[in-house]
Amino acid sequence: MLVKAKVSKGGKMSLPSSCRKALNISDGDELLFDINDSQVIISSVKFTLQKIRKLLKDHNPSGRSLVNELIQERKQEIKDE
């Protein structure tokens, strides 16, 4: 999809409704702007977090809490000192 938007005074831009609908963006949502080779990739923070959570889950298929394991290891190290 290719759409056009105009930048107004102060660098403000309205995101076209077709883009908001396609990206499921609502009023108040936070967006991330990734700039590569003079191009901007826009994604919502909630989408990016979902993507990161999926990546982490794929690397920890057992679903066990690695944070809790780390905390227990640190507590054991303190006891052993």
Protein backbone atom coordinates (compact mmCIF):
# COMPACT_ATOMS: atom_id res chain seq x y z
CA MET A 1 0.00 0.00 0.00
CA LEU A 2 1.38 3.38 -0.96
CA VAL A 3 -0.26 6.45 0.57
CA LYS A 4 0.73 10.09 0.83
CA ALA A 5 0.76 12.42 3.84
CA LYS A 6 1.90 16.01 4.22
CA VAL A 7 4.14 17.35 6.97
CA SER A 8 2.80 20.55 8.49
CA LYS A 9 4.39 23.27 10.59
CA GLY A 10 6.34 21.90 13.53
CA GLY A 11 6.92 18.54 11.81
CA LYS A 12 3.40 17.28 12.46
CA MET A 13 1.88 14.69 10.17
CA SER A 14 -1.49 13.00 10.09
CA LEU A 15 -1.33 9.26 9.56
CA PRO A 16 -3.88 8.44 6.86
CA SER A 17 -6.88 6.42 8.04
CA SER A 18 -6.08 3.55 5.66
CA CYS A 19 -2.70 3.18 7.38
CA ARG A 20 -4.22 3.39 10.87
CA LYS A 21 -6.75 0.70 9.97
CA ALA A 22 -4.16 -1.57 8.33
CA LEU A 23 -1.84 -1.29 11.35
CA ASN A 24 -4.66 -1.37 13.94
CA ILE A 25 -3.53 1.97 15.38
CA SER A 26 -5.88 3.91 17.67
CA ASP A 27 -5.78 7.37 19.22
CA GLY A 28 -3.13 7.52 21.92
CA ASP A 29 -1.10 4.54 20.64
CA GLU A 30 2.65 5.00 20.68
CA LEU A 31 4.61 4.48 17.47
CA LEU A 32 8.21 3.57 16.72
CA PHE A 33 10.06 5.07 13.76
CA ASP A 34 12.96 3.05 12.34
CA ILE A 35 15.06 4.95 9.82
CA ASN A 36 17.10 2.94 7.29
CA ASP A 37 18.62 4.24 4.06
CA SER A 38 16.39 7.33 3.95
CA GLN A 39 13.24 5.26 4.55
CA VAL A 40 11.05 5.23 7.64
CA ILE A 41 9.41 2.08 8.96
CA ILE A 42 6.52 2.84 11.34
CA SER A 43 5.23 0.25 13.80
CA SER A 44 3.20 0.42 16.96
CA VAL A 45 4.87 -0.23 20.30
CA LYS A 46 2.27 -2.90 21.12
CA PHE A 47 3.01 -4.77 17.86
CA THR A 48 6.75 -4.59 18.49
CA LEU A 49 6.32 -5.92 22.04
CA GLN A 50 4.19 -8.80 20.72
CA LYS A 51 6.91 -9.61 18.20
CA ILE A 52 9.63 -9.56 20.88
CA ARG A 53 7.55 -11.75 23.21
CA LYS A 54 7.09 -14.30 20.42
CA LEU A 55 10.84 -14.35 19.72
CA LEU A 56 11.59 -14.87 23.40
CA LYS A 57 8.97 -17.60 23.68
CA ASP A 58 10.44 -19.38 20.64
CA HIS A 59 13.83 -19.39 22.41
CA ASN A 60 12.30 -20.72 25.66
CA PRO A 61 9.77 -23.34 24.56
CA SER A 62 9.60 -24.88 28.05
CA GLY A 63 7.92 -21.71 29.33
CA ARG A 64 9.91 -21.77 32.55
CA SER A 65 10.78 -18.45 34.14
CA LEU A 66 14.40 -17.70 33.34
CA VAL A 67 14.24 -14.59 35.53
CA ASN A 68 13.20 -16.60 38.56
CA GLU A 69 15.96 -19.12 37.87
CA LEU A 70 18.52 -16.31 37.70
CA ILE A 71 17.27 -14.82 40.98
CA GLN A 72 17.55 -18.23 42.66
CA GLU A 73 21.09 -18.68 41.33
CA ARG A 74 22.11 -15.26 42.67
CA LYS A 75 20.56 -16.02 46.08
CA GLN A 76 22.47 -19.31 46.21
CA GLU A 77 25.72 -17.53 45.29
CA ILE A 78 25.19 -15.07 48.15
CA LYS A 79 24.60 -17.95 50.60
CA ASP A 80 27.75 -19.72 49.39
CA GLU A 81 29.97 -16.66 50.01
